[in-house]
Amino acid sequence: MDIEIKLKGDKVIETIPSVKDKALRINLNENIYGTFAEIGAGQETVRHFFRSGGSSGTIAKAMSAYDKDFSDAIYGVEDDGRYVTESRLKKMLTHEVNLIERRLSREKHPNKIFFSYANTVATIDFAKQFKGHGWVGIKYQIEPDEDYNEITLHIRFKETDARLQQETLGILGVNLIYGAFYKYNDPKKLLRYLYDHLDKDQLEIDTINFSGPRFADVDNRLMSLQLVKNGMTDAVMFDPDGRNILPAAVLYKKNILALRGSFRPVTKVNMDMYEKSLAMFLEESKVSKENTLVIFEITLSNLRSEGEIDERDFMDRAELLCSLGQTVMISNFQEYYKVVEYFSSYTKARMGLAMGVNNLIDIFDEKYYRHLSGGILEAFGKLFYRDLKVFLYPMIGEEGEIVNSENLKVHPRMKELYKFFKFNGKVIDIVDFDPHTLEVFSREVLKMIGKGQPGWEGMLPTGIAEIIKQHQLFGYDPNSVLQDTN
């Protein structure tokens, strides 16, 4: 391929080397030496290195263990019996690196930096029902006497032709290997370079993890944020321990209860809504506790500050939600129906959305659906034809009254539509709420923290105020705290 040129106006801001040039640069580096193990989509990555020239100085071995028995004999048997998994990929990388270390003498190759590239992939099936996905990774050194670094990622193919998917995988593999050796000092750029000579409509990257000495300071949650920010995927997830998790793996066939919010910071209102809606959700006939997953979702629009993503602010929220033992999802979905569509691609089980009255009123605002040819009816068809319930948390009205599903006001044109969903049991009031939390608003708490005003601590769940103070989150400054004179 030819060199790509990125422009900003008439100014050249970056030139992108071709796939052949990337492979050739690796091959001409006399110190880079390693193996390729590719399963499921041909030896598409190593093909570029063979064709670019000089490959004998880079490739110690290239293999494809297509037969399952052969693969099991080499890498071991997976507990779940599957082959396209992160566990399989890691076993492949570790096995191949160990072979290099055993078979190649460091005395004979004192300056060599070893690597192992691997992928385990399932391309589109003949019926074209499953587009295919895979795990791709590299385990490698930057210095001969240094421990190994590792980059692993999960991909989803968007193309509907197996040959095109194979070619896409090959280009991605070259980009990953090239970036690992020449862009490791800037993981954010490395991430963007994975799409060199590729389009977003060819490939989705929905999980990535960096580890090893060169990535000791990399927070993989921030790397997940970059995936969404760069349009590489629509949503990413991480567990209470802060580890990136594959959405497909945790959402599959689950009963899902989702709570959307800014959580800036998480307050007693959020947790009361969570606890009460979860109790009601578990009482549903098609819901089991063992199969239920609760997700705290933050949309990308809620992470923006002055038009840009405030990564520090993101980390503050993530840290607090994780400390409460919650699973977090960051998404590009502004509208609720898109969230439900996303979940529905992984599960057909009953789902729930917990939200406040203001959120429900917004859902019935036509302005959010003008981009749809079918308008609000199209959106509601996508939202409510699913096996879905909305658990509605009340609010205090302008005259001090409690506003719930019975007395909330939607636009006059939306009244009948709202009644239809309300009387068909799609909207259920949370009645066992804590009335003392209704006057707690996260934006007011945030202002109090920033201005050093006392009293905000009692509005937050147990332990959250201490974390905010300890790590000085959300602009907290112990030196500017005002004294309570009461």
Protein backbone atom coordinates (compact mmCIF):
# COMPACT_ATOMS: atom_id res chain seq x y z
CA MET A 1 0.00 0.00 0.00
CA ASP A 2 1.06 3.60 -0.55
CA ILE A 3 1.90 5.99 2.24
CA GLU A 4 -1.17 7.73 3.66
CA ILE A 5 -1.00 11.45 4.40
CA LYS A 6 -3.08 13.13 7.09
CA LEU A 7 -3.94 16.77 6.47
CA LYS A 8 -5.17 19.62 8.63
CA GLY A 9 -6.36 22.16 6.12
CA ASP A 10 -3.56 22.34 3.55
CA LYS A 11 -0.89 21.39 6.07
CA VAL A 12 0.55 17.88 6.26
CA ILE A 13 0.43 16.86 9.94
CA GLU A 14 1.42 13.22 9.61
CA THR A 15 2.53 10.64 7.07
CA ILE A 16 1.61 7.02 7.66
CA PRO A 17 4.03 4.34 6.41
CA SER A 18 2.49 1.63 4.27
CA VAL A 19 1.86 -1.85 5.65
CA LYS A 20 4.81 -3.13 3.62
CA ASP A 21 7.11 -0.40 4.96
CA LYS A 22 6.07 -1.16 8.54
CA ALA A 23 6.82 -4.86 8.10
CA LEU A 24 10.10 -4.09 6.34
CA ARG A 25 11.26 -1.76 9.10
CA ILE A 26 10.67 -4.55 11.63
CA ASN A 27 12.49 -7.03 9.41
CA LEU A 28 15.49 -4.73 8.97
CA ASN A 29 15.88 -4.26 12.71
CA GLU A 30 18.55 -6.88 13.38
CA ASN A 31 17.58 -7.21 17.05
CA ILE A 32 13.85 -7.95 16.74
CA TYR A 33 13.30 -11.71 16.54
CA GLY A 34 10.32 -13.87 17.34
CA THR A 35 7.42 -16.14 16.43
CA PHE A 36 3.97 -15.91 14.88
CA ALA A 37 1.14 -18.20 15.98
CA GLU A 38 -2.15 -17.54 14.17
CA ILE A 39 -5.29 -19.63 14.56
CA GLY A 40 -8.56 -19.39 12.68
CA ALA A 41 -8.06 -16.89 9.87
CA GLY A 42 -4.90 -17.96 8.05
CA GLN A 43 -1.39 -16.68 8.57
CA GLU A 44 -2.44 -13.24 7.49
CA THR A 45 -0.10 -11.17 9.65
CA VAL A 46 3.11 -13.09 9.06
CA ARG A 47 2.36 -13.06 5.31
CA HIS A 48 3.15 -9.34 5.22
CA PHE A 49 6.54 -9.93 6.84
CA PHE A 50 7.40 -12.74 4.42
CA ARG A 51 6.47 -10.59 1.42
CA SER A 52 8.18 -7.37 2.50
CA GLY A 53 11.67 -8.93 2.36
CA GLY A 54 14.36 -9.63 4.91
CA SER A 55 12.06 -11.81 6.99
CA SER A 56 14.75 -14.35 7.92
CA GLY A 57 16.15 -11.85 10.39
CA THR A 58 12.78 -11.48 12.16
CA ILE A 59 10.82 -14.73 11.92
CA ALA A 60 12.06 -17.61 14.03
CA LYS A 61 8.87 -19.61 13.47
CA ALA A 62 5.41 -19.20 11.97
CA MET A 63 2.63 -21.68 12.68
CA SER A 64 -1.13 -22.30 12.69
CA ALA A 65 -2.51 -25.07 14.90
CA TYR A 66 -5.89 -25.32 13.16
CA ASP A 67 -6.80 -28.80 14.36
CA LYS A 68 -8.31 -28.60 17.84
CA ASP A 69 -6.48 -31.68 19.08
CA PHE A 70 -3.18 -30.27 17.86
CA SER A 71 -3.99 -26.94 19.47
CA ASP A 72 -4.89 -28.60 22.79
CA ALA A 73 -1.70 -30.66 22.69
CA ILE A 74 0.38 -27.52 22.25
CA TYR A 75 -1.39 -24.98 24.45
CA GLY A 76 -3.51 -27.10 26.77
CA VAL A 77 -7.26 -27.55 27.12
CA GLU A 78 -9.44 -24.57 28.10
CA ASP A 79 -11.80 -25.10 31.02
CA ASP A 80 -14.78 -23.93 28.95
CA GLY A 81 -13.68 -25.86 25.86
CA ARG A 82 -13.56 -22.70 23.71
CA TYR A 83 -10.70 -21.52 21.56
CA VAL A 84 -11.40 -17.86 20.72
CA THR A 85 -10.84 -16.54 24.23
CA GLU A 86 -8.47 -14.24 26.09
CA SER A 87 -7.24 -17.19 28.13
CA ARG A 88 -6.29 -19.04 24.94
CA LEU A 89 -4.45 -16.04 23.57
CA LYS A 90 -2.43 -15.59 26.76
CA LYS A 91 -1.50 -19.27 26.81
CA MET A 92 -0.33 -19.02 23.22
CA LEU A 93 1.81 -15.95 23.93
CA THR A 94 3.36 -17.44 27.06
CA HIS A 95 4.02 -20.83 25.46
CA GLU A 96 5.73 -19.33 22.41
CA VAL A 97 7.88 -16.93 24.45
CA ASN A 98 8.98 -19.77 26.72
CA LEU A 99 9.99 -21.78 23.65
CA ILE A 100 12.09 -18.91 22.36
CA GLU A 101 13.87 -18.57 25.68
CA ARG A 102 14.54 -22.31 25.85
CA ARG A 103 15.63 -22.82 22.26
CA LEU A 104 17.67 -19.68 21.60
CA SER A 105 20.82 -19.05 23.60
CA ARG A 106 21.24 -15.62 25.10
CA GLU A 107 24.98 -16.08 24.80
CA LYS A 108 24.61 -16.57 21.07
CA HIS A 109 22.06 -13.75 20.73
CA PRO A 110 23.02 -11.18 23.41
CA ASN A 111 21.35 -8.25 21.63
CA LYS A 112 18.15 -9.93 20.49
CA ILE A 113 14.81 -8.66 21.80
CA PHE A 114 12.34 -11.51 21.53
CA PHE A 115 8.64 -11.35 20.78
CA SER A 116 5.67 -13.58 20.21
CA TYR A 117 2.67 -12.42 18.18
CA ALA A 118 -0.52 -14.48 18.35
CA ASN A 119 -4.16 -14.39 17.41
CA THR A 120 -7.08 -16.75 17.80
CA VAL A 121 -9.94 -15.77 15.53
CA ALA A 122 -13.31 -16.90 14.18
CA THR A 123 -14.24 -15.22 10.90
CA ILE A 124 -17.78 -14.90 9.53
CA ASP A 125 -19.72 -18.16 9.17
CA PHE A 126 -21.20 -19.42 5.90
CA ALA A 127 -24.72 -18.44 6.93
CA LYS A 128 -23.41 -14.92 7.71
CA GLN A 129 -25.26 -14.92 11.03
CA PHE A 130 -22.14 -14.33 13.11
CA LYS A 131 -19.72 -11.75 11.74
CA GLY A 132 -16.77 -13.10 13.68
CA HIS A 133 -14.42 -11.90 16.39
CA GLY A 134 -11.04 -12.67 17.86
CA TRP A 135 -8.25 -12.03 20.34
CA VAL A 136 -4.96 -10.54 19.15
CA GLY A 137 -1.80 -9.88 21.14
CA ILE A 138 1.93 -9.50 21.37
CA LYS A 139 4.35 -10.35 24.18
CA TYR A 140 7.71 -8.68 23.65
CA GLN A 141 10.85 -7.03 24.98
CA ILE A 142 12.31 -3.59 24.38
CA GLU A 143 15.69 -4.46 25.89
CA PRO A 144 17.33 -7.94 25.92
CA ASP A 145 17.59 -8.07 29.71
CA GLU A 146 14.13 -6.61 30.35
CA ASP A 147 10.96 -8.42 31.37
CA TYR A 148 8.29 -8.90 28.72
CA ASN A 149 5.56 -6.40 27.94
CA GLU A 150 2.15 -7.51 26.71
CA ILE A 151 -0.63 -5.92 24.67
CA THR A 152 -3.86 -7.86 24.13
CA LEU A 153 -7.04 -6.74 22.41
CA HIS A 154 -10.42 -8.10 21.40
CA ILE A 155 -11.80 -7.34 17.95
CA ARG A 156 -15.14 -7.65 16.19
CA PHE A 157 -15.31 -7.85 12.42
CA LYS A 158 -17.83 -5.65 10.62
CA GLU A 159 -17.18 -6.84 7.08
CA THR A 160 -19.37 -9.61 5.69
CA ASP A 161 -16.76 -11.47 3.65
CA ALA A 162 -14.28 -13.92 5.19
CA ARG A 163 -11.47 -12.97 2.80
CA LEU A 164 -11.83 -9.28 3.63
CA GLN A 165 -11.83 -10.09 7.33
CA GLN A 166 -8.60 -12.05 6.89
CA GLU A 167 -6.96 -9.12 5.13
CA THR A 168 -8.15 -6.73 7.82
CA LEU A 169 -6.70 -8.98 10.50
CA GLY A 170 -3.35 -9.06 8.71
CA ILE A 171 -3.12 -5.26 8.54
CA LEU A 172 -4.14 -4.95 12.20
CA GLY A 173 -1.44 -7.43 13.19
CA VAL A 174 1.27 -5.46 11.39
CA ASN A 175 0.03 -2.22 12.97
CA LEU A 176 0.12 -3.82 16.43
CA ILE A 177 3.65 -5.21 16.07
CA TYR A 178 4.95 -1.95 14.59
CA GLY A 179 3.28 0.12 17.30
CA ALA A 180 4.52 -2.19 20.06
CA PHE A 181 8.14 -1.61 19.10
CA TYR A 182 8.09 1.97 17.86
CA LYS A 183 5.17 3.70 19.65
CA TYR A 184 5.23 2.03 23.08
CA ASN A 185 6.18 5.28 24.78
CA ASP A 186 2.82 6.82 23.82
CA PRO A 187 0.06 4.21 24.27
CA LYS A 188 -2.67 6.65 23.17
CA LYS A 189 -0.99 7.13 19.82
CA LEU A 190 -0.26 3.42 19.59
CA LEU A 191 -3.99 2.84 19.98
CA ARG A 192 -4.87 5.23 17.15
CA TYR A 193 -2.20 3.75 14.87
CA LEU A 194 -3.92 0.37 15.08
CA TYR A 195 -6.34 1.75 12.48
CA ASP A 196 -3.68 2.80 9.98
CA HIS A 197 -4.95 1.71 6.52
CA LEU A 198 -8.18 0.52 8.17
CA ASP A 199 -11.62 2.08 8.56
CA LYS A 200 -13.92 1.97 11.56
CA ASP A 201 -16.53 0.16 9.45
CA GLN A 202 -14.12 -2.73 8.95
CA LEU A 203 -13.19 -3.45 12.54
CA GLU A 204 -14.21 -2.73 16.12
CA ILE A 205 -11.78 -2.93 19.05
CA ASP A 206 -13.81 -3.22 22.24
CA THR A 207 -11.19 -4.29 24.81
CA ILE A 208 -7.48 -3.60 25.20
CA ASN A 209 -5.00 -4.20 28.01
CA PHE A 210 -1.37 -3.16 28.44
CA SER A 211 0.98 -4.76 30.96
CA GLY A 212 4.71 -5.07 31.63
CA PRO A 213 7.54 -2.71 32.63
CA ARG A 214 7.03 -0.27 29.75
CA PHE A 215 3.37 0.11 30.65
CA ALA A 216 3.67 0.20 34.43
CA ASP A 217 2.07 3.66 34.54
CA VAL A 218 -0.71 2.90 32.05
CA ASP A 219 -4.23 2.82 33.47
CA ASN A 220 -6.17 0.39 31.29
CA ARG A 221 -9.43 2.10 32.19
CA LEU A 222 -8.14 5.24 30.50
CA MET A 223 -7.19 3.16 27.49
CA SER A 224 -10.78 1.89 27.43
CA LEU A 225 -11.95 5.49 27.46
CA GLN A 226 -9.76 6.17 24.43
CA LEU A 227 -11.49 3.35 22.53
CA VAL A 228 -14.85 5.07 22.97
CA LYS A 229 -13.45 8.57 22.49
CA ASN A 230 -11.79 7.57 19.19
CA GLY A 231 -14.90 5.84 17.88
CA MET A 232 -13.26 2.41 17.91
CA THR A 233 -16.18 0.97 19.88
CA ASP A 234 -19.50 2.16 21.30
CA ALA A 235 -19.04 0.94 24.86
CA VAL A 236 -16.42 -0.44 27.22
CA MET A 237 -16.73 -1.97 30.66
CA PHE A 238 -14.58 -2.59 33.70
CA ASP A 239 -15.12 -4.48 36.91
CA PRO A 240 -14.97 -3.29 40.56
CA ASP A 241 -11.23 -4.02 40.61
CA GLY A 242 -10.71 -1.58 37.76
CA ARG A 243 -9.93 -4.26 35.18
CA ASN A 244 -11.17 -4.00 31.61
CA ILE A 245 -13.70 -6.71 30.84
CA LEU A 246 -15.14 -7.91 27.55
CA PRO A 247 -18.79 -6.77 27.32
CA ALA A 248 -19.86 -9.89 25.40
CA ALA A 249 -18.46 -12.13 28.13
CA VAL A 250 -20.30 -10.48 31.03
CA LEU A 251 -23.55 -9.47 29.30
CA TYR A 252 -24.29 -12.77 27.56
CA LYS A 253 -27.81 -13.99 28.41
CA LYS A 254 -27.87 -11.87 31.59
CA ASN A 255 -30.72 -10.04 33.29
CA ILE A 256 -29.36 -6.49 33.17
CA LEU A 257 -30.30 -3.58 35.42
CA ALA A 258 -28.72 -0.33 34.23
CA LEU A 259 -28.43 3.02 35.99
CA ARG A 260 -27.33 6.00 33.92
CA GLY A 261 -25.91 9.11 35.52
CA SER A 262 -23.08 11.57 35.77
CA PHE A 263 -22.11 10.21 39.24
CA ARG A 264 -20.13 13.38 39.80
CA PRO A 265 -19.90 12.34 42.56
CA VAL A 266 -22.01 9.29 43.35
CA THR A 267 -24.54 10.28 46.05
CA LYS A 268 -27.00 8.67 48.44
CA VAL A 269 -29.71 9.26 45.83
CA ASN A 270 -27.85 7.10 43.31
CA MET A 271 -27.35 4.31 45.81
CA ASP A 272 -30.93 4.45 47.10
CA MET A 273 -32.17 4.25 43.51
CA TYR A 274 -29.82 1.31 42.92
CA GLU A 275 -30.81 -0.62 46.04
CA LYS A 276 -34.58 -0.11 45.69
CA SER A 277 -34.73 -0.76 41.94
CA LEU A 278 -32.59 -3.88 42.30
CA ALA A 279 -34.91 -5.26 44.99
CA MET A 280 -37.89 -4.69 42.69
CA PHE A 281 -36.09 -6.07 39.65
CA LEU A 282 -35.26 -9.30 41.46
CA GLU A 283 -38.95 -9.78 42.24
CA GLU A 284 -39.76 -9.93 38.51
CA SER A 285 -40.88 -13.37 37.32
CA LYS A 286 -38.20 -13.72 34.64
CA VAL A 287 -35.30 -12.47 36.76
CA SER A 288 -32.93 -14.47 38.95
CA LYS A 289 -30.39 -13.04 41.36
CA GLU A 290 -27.64 -15.38 40.13
CA ASN A 291 -28.13 -14.22 36.55
CA THR A 292 -28.46 -10.49 37.25
CA LEU A 293 -25.81 -7.92 36.42
CA VAL A 294 -26.07 -4.30 37.59
CA ILE A 295 -24.32 -1.71 35.45
CA PHE A 296 -23.59 1.93 36.29
CA GLU A 297 -23.40 3.65 32.91
CA ILE A 298 -21.75 6.99 32.11
CA THR A 299 -22.28 8.43 28.64
CA LEU A 300 -19.42 10.11 26.85
CA SER A 301 -21.36 13.38 26.80
CA ASN A 302 -21.27 13.37 30.61
CA LEU A 303 -17.48 13.12 30.53
CA ARG A 304 -16.96 16.27 28.51
CA SER A 305 -15.61 19.45 30.04
CA GLU A 306 -15.39 22.50 27.77
CA GLY A 307 -15.76 20.29 24.72
CA GLU A 308 -13.06 17.78 25.59
CA ILE A 309 -12.95 14.60 27.66
CA ASP A 310 -11.69 15.40 31.15
CA GLU A 311 -9.77 12.22 31.87
CA ARG A 312 -9.01 13.13 35.47
CA ASP A 313 -12.69 13.69 36.10
CA PHE A 314 -13.42 10.29 34.55
CA MET A 315 -10.92 8.61 36.84
CA ASP A 316 -12.44 10.28 39.88
CA ARG A 317 -15.89 8.90 39.11
CA ALA A 318 -14.58 5.47 38.18
CA GLU A 319 -12.61 5.19 41.41
CA LEU A 320 -15.64 5.97 43.55
CA LEU A 321 -18.01 3.61 41.71
CA CYS A 322 -15.44 0.81 41.86
CA SER A 323 -14.96 1.39 45.59
CA LEU A 324 -18.68 0.67 45.98
CA GLY A 325 -18.25 -2.67 44.21
CA GLN A 326 -19.97 -1.64 40.99
CA THR A 327 -19.46 -2.61 37.35
CA VAL A 328 -19.04 0.48 35.16
CA MET A 329 -19.82 1.03 31.49
CA ILE A 330 -18.68 4.01 29.43
CA SER A 331 -20.74 4.43 26.28
CA ASN A 332 -21.28 6.60 23.24
CA PHE A 333 -25.06 6.25 23.57
CA GLN A 334 -26.83 9.52 24.16
CA GLU A 335 -30.32 8.05 23.86
CA TYR A 336 -31.67 5.30 26.11
CA TYR A 337 -32.97 3.21 23.22
CA LYS A 338 -29.41 2.80 21.94
CA VAL A 339 -28.31 1.46 25.33
CA VAL A 340 -31.13 -1.09 25.25
CA GLU A 341 -30.30 -2.05 21.67
CA TYR A 342 -26.69 -2.63 22.71
CA PHE A 343 -27.66 -4.86 25.62
CA SER A 344 -30.13 -6.72 23.41
CA SER A 345 -27.33 -7.76 21.07
CA TYR A 346 -26.01 -9.93 23.92
CA THR A 347 -29.11 -10.98 25.83
CA LYS A 348 -32.81 -11.60 25.32
CA ALA A 349 -33.48 -11.87 29.05
CA ARG A 350 -35.55 -9.29 30.92
CA MET A 351 -33.84 -5.94 31.44
CA GLY A 352 -34.44 -2.96 33.69
CA LEU A 353 -33.61 0.74 33.60
CA ALA A 354 -33.55 2.71 36.84
CA MET A 355 -33.95 6.45 36.36
CA GLY A 356 -35.26 9.65 37.86
CA VAL A 357 -38.41 11.47 36.78
CA ASN A 358 -36.47 14.09 34.82
CA ASN A 359 -34.80 11.38 32.75
CA LEU A 360 -38.15 9.82 31.86
CA ILE A 361 -39.55 13.22 30.85
CA ASP A 362 -36.54 13.67 28.56
CA ILE A 363 -37.21 10.30 26.95
CA PHE A 364 -40.60 11.62 25.87
CA ASP A 365 -39.10 14.76 24.31
CA GLU A 366 -39.35 14.61 20.51
CA LYS A 367 -36.27 16.78 19.91
CA TYR A 368 -33.99 13.84 20.73
CA TYR A 369 -35.34 11.77 17.84
CA ARG A 370 -35.43 14.21 14.90
CA HIS A 371 -32.53 12.34 13.27
CA LEU A 372 -34.67 9.19 13.01
CA SER A 373 -36.89 8.80 9.96
CA GLY A 374 -39.59 7.36 12.20
CA GLY A 375 -39.06 9.95 14.93
CA ILE A 376 -40.02 9.15 18.50
CA LEU A 377 -42.19 6.21 17.46
CA GLU A 378 -39.20 4.49 15.89
CA ALA A 379 -37.16 5.08 19.05
CA PHE A 380 -39.92 3.79 21.31
CA GLY A 381 -40.36 0.75 19.13
CA LYS A 382 -36.69 -0.04 19.67
CA LEU A 383 -36.90 0.75 23.38
CA PHE A 384 -40.11 -0.74 24.66
CA TYR A 385 -40.77 -3.72 22.42
CA ARG A 386 -37.95 -5.43 24.32
CA ASP A 387 -38.57 -7.27 27.57
CA LEU A 388 -37.88 -4.10 29.53
CA LYS A 389 -39.13 -2.36 32.68
CA VAL A 390 -38.39 1.20 33.83
CA PHE A 391 -38.07 1.66 37.59
CA LEU A 392 -38.85 5.30 38.29
CA TYR A 393 -37.34 7.20 41.21
CA PRO A 394 -39.47 10.21 42.31
CA MET A 395 -38.43 13.83 42.75
CA ILE A 396 -39.65 16.86 44.66
CA GLY A 397 -41.79 19.20 42.56
CA GLU A 398 -41.76 22.99 42.49
CA GLU A 399 -44.43 23.16 45.22
CA GLY A 400 -42.87 20.50 47.42
CA GLU A 401 -45.00 17.64 46.09
CA ILE A 402 -43.66 14.19 45.27
CA VAL A 403 -43.58 13.74 41.48
CA ASN A 404 -43.83 10.18 40.16
CA SER A 405 -45.28 8.35 37.16
CA GLU A 406 -48.83 9.28 38.15
CA ASN A 407 -48.44 13.07 38.08
CA LEU A 408 -45.37 13.84 35.94
CA LYS A 409 -45.97 16.14 32.99
CA VAL A 410 -44.89 15.27 29.47
CA HIS A 411 -45.56 17.32 26.33
CA PRO A 412 -49.28 17.32 25.46
CA ARG A 413 -48.56 15.50 22.17
CA MET A 414 -46.85 12.73 24.14
CA LYS A 415 -49.57 12.17 26.76
CA GLU A 416 -51.31 9.28 25.02
CA LEU A 417 -48.03 7.63 24.12
CA TYR A 418 -46.89 7.90 27.71
CA LYS A 419 -50.18 6.48 28.99
CA PHE A 420 -49.84 3.51 26.66
CA PHE A 421 -46.49 2.47 28.12
CA LYS A 422 -47.47 3.38 31.66
CA PHE A 423 -50.65 1.30 31.65
CA ASN A 424 -48.94 -1.62 29.97
CA GLY A 425 -46.67 -1.99 32.97
CA LYS A 426 -43.50 -0.68 31.35
CA VAL A 427 -43.05 2.08 33.95
CA ILE A 428 -43.08 1.19 37.65
CA ASP A 429 -42.71 3.62 40.54
CA ILE A 430 -40.13 3.06 43.24
CA VAL A 431 -42.27 3.63 46.31
CA ASP A 432 -39.99 2.43 49.08
CA PHE A 433 -37.57 5.33 48.61
CA ASP A 434 -35.69 7.28 51.26
CA PRO A 435 -37.42 10.71 51.43
CA HIS A 436 -34.33 12.27 53.01
CA THR A 437 -32.32 11.75 49.80
CA LEU A 438 -34.69 13.62 47.47
CA GLU A 439 -33.06 16.96 48.25
CA VAL A 440 -29.57 15.68 47.44
CA PHE A 441 -28.25 16.80 44.06
CA SER A 442 -24.79 15.82 42.80
CA ARG A 443 -24.24 19.21 41.14
CA GLU A 444 -24.79 20.95 44.49
CA VAL A 445 -22.46 18.50 46.23
CA LEU A 446 -19.83 19.19 43.58
CA LYS A 447 -20.09 22.95 44.14
CA MET A 448 -19.76 22.50 47.90
CA ILE A 449 -16.65 20.37 47.49
CA GLY A 450 -15.05 22.89 45.12
CA LYS A 451 -15.84 25.88 47.34
CA GLY A 452 -14.75 24.14 50.52
CA GLN A 453 -18.22 24.38 52.08
CA PRO A 454 -19.00 21.98 54.94
CA GLY A 455 -21.83 19.45 55.09
CA TRP A 456 -21.47 17.62 51.77
CA GLU A 457 -20.05 14.51 53.39
CA GLY A 458 -23.42 13.38 54.74
CA MET A 459 -24.93 13.42 51.26
CA LEU A 460 -22.64 10.65 50.04
CA PRO A 461 -22.54 6.89 50.64
CA THR A 462 -20.41 5.61 53.49
CA GLY A 463 -16.69 5.86 52.79
CA ILE A 464 -16.97 8.05 49.67
CA ALA A 465 -16.20 11.34 51.42
CA GLU A 466 -13.03 9.84 52.89
CA ILE A 467 -11.82 8.76 49.43
CA ILE A 468 -12.56 12.21 47.99
CA LYS A 469 -10.57 13.87 50.77
CA GLN A 470 -7.72 11.38 50.71
CA HIS A 471 -7.18 11.68 46.96
CA GLN A 472 -8.40 15.30 46.69
CA LEU A 473 -10.97 14.44 44.03
CA PHE A 474 -13.34 16.87 42.28
CA GLY A 475 -11.24 19.88 43.23
CA TYR A 476 -11.24 19.17 46.94
CA ASP A 477 -8.60 21.29 48.68
CA PRO A 478 -8.11 20.72 52.42
CA ASN A 479 -6.49 24.16 52.71
CA SER A 480 -9.56 25.99 51.44
CA VAL A 481 -12.19 24.24 53.56
CA LEU A 482 -14.51 26.77 55.21
CA GLN A 483 -15.17 26.34 58.88
CA ASP A 484 -18.69 25.51 59.96
CA THR A 485 -19.60 28.37 62.32
CA ASN A 486 -22.94 26.87 63.39
